[in-house]
């Protein structure tokens, strides 16, 4: 991104808020007067681009936003973040893999509404997935829970349907226990 493109980018409300914090800090520290504070704050709140924001705070110790980096980042590409830590700026967070048993549980749970029999497999794979997710820290807990919920729903519905069917058959035939 060229410097001209950066200056012409539209500023967001969050950017204006950061710039107003810089102006507030400057008046608190005695770097600018109250009159200058009001004039700069008005300028910041009316700013539409980064260039206009930068103009309002360019001579104060803290800028609005960082300038675009001129070269490559100091951290080499592929730098792994330790578990529980945020990766360095400029690198996307490392995504943990989604558990395949959790995906299978969700698919089998959905198929259970069509076939009925796959609900048992959804329940088994869902419990196996939750156990593995707890052990390894993989993603997919929501998929496993969804597969379990669908599997148990279909299994319970099938059980109630069977009880109703046998109740109708036995009562209709005159057989009582």
Protein backbone atom coordinates (compact mmCIF):
# COMPACT_ATOMS: atom_id res chain seq x y z
CA UNK A 1 0.00 0.00 0.00
CA UNK A 2 1.47 3.31 -1.03
CA UNK A 3 1.60 6.23 1.34
CA UNK A 4 -0.89 8.17 -0.83
CA UNK A 5 -3.36 5.31 -0.73
CA UNK A 6 -3.04 5.10 3.04
CA UNK A 7 -3.72 8.82 3.48
CA UNK A 8 -6.81 8.68 1.27
CA UNK A 9 -8.36 5.75 3.15
CA UNK A 10 -11.56 6.57 5.03
CA UNK A 11 -11.23 6.75 8.81
CA UNK A 12 -13.61 4.85 11.04
CA UNK A 13 -15.28 5.94 14.25
CA UNK A 14 -12.71 3.88 16.17
CA UNK A 15 -9.89 5.78 14.44
CA UNK A 16 -11.47 9.11 15.37
CA UNK A 17 -11.86 7.87 18.95
CA UNK A 18 -8.14 6.99 19.13
CA UNK A 19 -7.20 10.38 17.71
CA UNK A 20 -9.43 12.18 20.20
CA UNK A 21 -7.71 10.22 22.99
CA UNK A 22 -4.36 11.53 21.72
CA UNK A 23 -5.69 15.11 21.82
CA UNK A 24 -7.14 14.57 25.31
CA UNK A 25 -3.81 13.21 26.54
CA UNK A 26 -1.99 16.21 25.07
CA UNK A 27 -4.18 18.72 26.91
CA UNK A 28 -3.90 16.70 30.13
CA UNK A 29 -0.10 16.69 29.85
CA UNK A 30 -0.05 20.43 29.17
CA UNK A 31 1.25 20.12 25.60
CA UNK A 32 -1.64 22.13 24.12
CA UNK A 33 -4.02 24.75 25.49
CA UNK A 34 -7.74 24.28 26.04
CA UNK A 35 -8.55 26.46 23.02
CA UNK A 36 -6.24 24.40 20.84
CA UNK A 37 -7.77 21.25 22.34
CA UNK A 38 -11.27 22.32 21.28
CA UNK A 39 -10.08 23.25 17.77
CA UNK A 40 -8.20 19.94 17.30
CA UNK A 41 -11.03 17.88 18.74
CA UNK A 42 -13.45 19.50 16.30
CA UNK A 43 -10.98 18.75 13.49
CA UNK A 44 -10.66 15.10 14.60
CA UNK A 45 -14.41 14.56 14.89
CA UNK A 46 -14.99 16.03 11.41
CA UNK A 47 -12.09 14.11 9.79
CA UNK A 48 -13.04 11.70 7.01
CA UNK A 49 -9.64 10.29 6.00
CA UNK A 50 -6.44 9.19 7.72
CA UNK A 51 -4.68 12.22 6.26
CA UNK A 52 -7.12 14.57 8.01
CA UNK A 53 -6.72 12.67 11.29
CA UNK A 54 -2.95 12.65 10.96
CA UNK A 55 -2.97 16.41 10.31
CA UNK A 56 -4.76 16.98 13.64
CA UNK A 57 -2.27 14.98 15.74
CA UNK A 58 0.96 14.90 13.69
CA UNK A 59 2.95 17.06 16.14
CA UNK A 60 1.78 15.17 19.25
CA UNK A 61 3.80 12.28 20.73
CA UNK A 62 1.36 9.53 19.69
CA UNK A 63 -0.04 9.18 16.19
CA UNK A 64 -3.49 8.05 15.15
CA UNK A 65 -2.61 4.75 13.56
CA UNK A 66 0.65 3.13 12.58
CA UNK A 67 2.01 3.96 9.14
CA UNK A 68 2.11 1.05 6.74
CA UNK A 69 5.26 -1.01 7.14
CA UNK A 70 7.97 -0.24 4.62
CA UNK A 71 9.58 -3.67 4.64
CA UNK A 72 8.96 -7.22 5.73
CA UNK A 73 8.02 -7.86 9.36
CA UNK A 74 10.79 -8.59 11.83
CA UNK A 75 9.35 -12.04 12.63
CA UNK A 76 9.97 -14.71 9.97
CA UNK A 77 7.00 -16.12 8.07
CA UNK A 78 5.38 -19.07 9.74
CA UNK A 79 6.37 -18.00 13.24
CA UNK A 80 4.36 -20.25 15.54
CA UNK A 81 2.64 -18.68 18.51
CA UNK A 82 2.83 -20.61 21.74
CA UNK A 83 -0.49 -22.11 22.84
CA UNK A 84 -2.63 -19.50 24.56
CA UNK A 85 -0.60 -16.57 23.17
CA UNK A 86 -1.54 -14.12 20.46
CA UNK A 87 0.58 -14.43 17.30
CA UNK A 88 2.77 -11.46 16.30
CA UNK A 89 1.11 -8.49 14.58
CA UNK A 90 0.57 -9.06 10.90
CA UNK A 91 0.18 -12.82 11.11
CA UNK A 92 -3.16 -14.57 11.26
CA UNK A 93 -3.86 -16.67 14.33
CA UNK A 94 -2.96 -20.32 13.98
CA UNK A 95 -6.14 -22.33 13.50
CA UNK A 96 -6.46 -25.62 15.27
CA UNK A 97 -7.77 -28.47 13.12
CA UNK A 98 -11.41 -29.47 13.38
CA UNK A 99 -11.95 -32.94 14.78
CA UNK A 100 -13.06 -35.33 12.03
CA UNK A 101 -15.20 -37.39 14.41
CA UNK A 102 -17.12 -34.23 15.32
CA UNK A 103 -17.81 -33.56 11.65
CA UNK A 104 -18.90 -37.18 11.18
CA UNK A 105 -21.20 -36.93 14.20
CA UNK A 106 -22.91 -33.84 12.79
CA UNK A 107 -23.35 -35.43 9.35
CA UNK A 108 -24.62 -38.72 10.81
CA UNK A 109 -26.97 -36.82 13.12
CA UNK A 110 -28.45 -34.99 10.15
CA UNK A 111 -28.78 -38.23 8.20
CA UNK A 112 -30.51 -39.76 11.21
CA UNK A 113 -33.62 -37.74 10.40
CA UNK A 114 -33.72 -39.51 7.02
CA UNK A 115 -32.46 -43.02 7.81
CA UNK A 116 -33.08 -43.33 11.53
CA UNK A 117 -30.28 -45.88 12.02
CA UNK A 118 -27.39 -43.44 11.63
CA UNK A 119 -28.50 -41.68 14.83
CA UNK A 120 -26.81 -44.42 16.87
CA UNK A 121 -23.56 -43.84 14.97
CA UNK A 122 -23.96 -40.07 15.53
CA UNK A 123 -24.23 -40.64 19.29
CA UNK A 124 -21.17 -42.91 19.39
CA UNK A 125 -18.97 -40.64 17.24
CA UNK A 126 -20.18 -37.56 19.12
CA UNK A 127 -19.05 -38.93 22.46
CA UNK A 128 -15.74 -40.11 20.97
CA UNK A 129 -15.20 -36.66 19.44
CA UNK A 130 -15.89 -34.82 22.72
CA UNK A 131 -13.40 -37.07 24.51
CA UNK A 132 -10.72 -36.49 21.87
CA UNK A 133 -11.40 -32.72 21.74
CA UNK A 134 -10.97 -32.49 25.50
CA UNK A 135 -7.67 -34.38 25.27
CA UNK A 136 -6.11 -32.69 22.21
CA UNK A 137 -7.67 -29.20 22.22
CA UNK A 138 -8.94 -29.52 18.64
CA UNK A 139 -11.84 -27.48 17.31
CA UNK A 140 -15.28 -28.97 16.68
CA UNK A 141 -16.98 -29.13 20.06
CA UNK A 142 -20.09 -27.47 18.64
CA UNK A 143 -20.26 -29.98 15.78
CA UNK A 144 -19.98 -32.88 18.22
CA UNK A 145 -22.70 -31.46 20.47
CA UNK A 146 -24.95 -30.83 17.46
CA UNK A 147 -24.43 -34.42 16.27
CA UNK A 148 -25.22 -35.72 19.75
CA UNK A 149 -28.34 -33.57 20.00
CA UNK A 150 -29.64 -34.72 16.61
CA UNK A 151 -28.73 -38.35 17.34
CA UNK A 152 -30.46 -38.38 20.71
CA UNK A 153 -33.49 -36.57 19.27
CA UNK A 154 -33.92 -39.15 16.50
CA UNK A 155 -33.28 -42.07 18.87
CA UNK A 156 -35.77 -40.76 21.44
CA UNK A 157 -38.31 -40.04 18.71
CA UNK A 158 -37.90 -43.56 17.35
CA UNK A 159 -38.29 -45.06 20.82
CA UNK A 160 -41.48 -43.06 21.47
CA UNK A 161 -42.83 -44.02 18.06
CA UNK A 162 -42.17 -47.71 18.78
CA UNK A 163 -43.86 -47.47 22.20
CA UNK A 164 -46.87 -45.79 20.62
CA UNK A 165 -47.03 -48.38 17.83
CA UNK A 166 -46.81 -51.35 20.24
CA UNK A 167 -49.33 -49.71 22.54
CA UNK A 168 -51.82 -49.35 19.68
CA UNK A 169 -51.22 -52.93 18.51
CA UNK A 170 -51.55 -54.49 21.97
CA UNK A 171 -54.54 -52.39 23.02
CA UNK A 172 -56.23 -52.96 19.66
CA UNK A 173 -55.76 -56.74 19.92
CA UNK A 174 -57.18 -56.88 23.43
CA UNK A 175 -53.90 -58.04 24.99
CA UNK A 176 -53.33 -56.58 28.45
CA UNK A 177 -50.49 -57.23 30.87
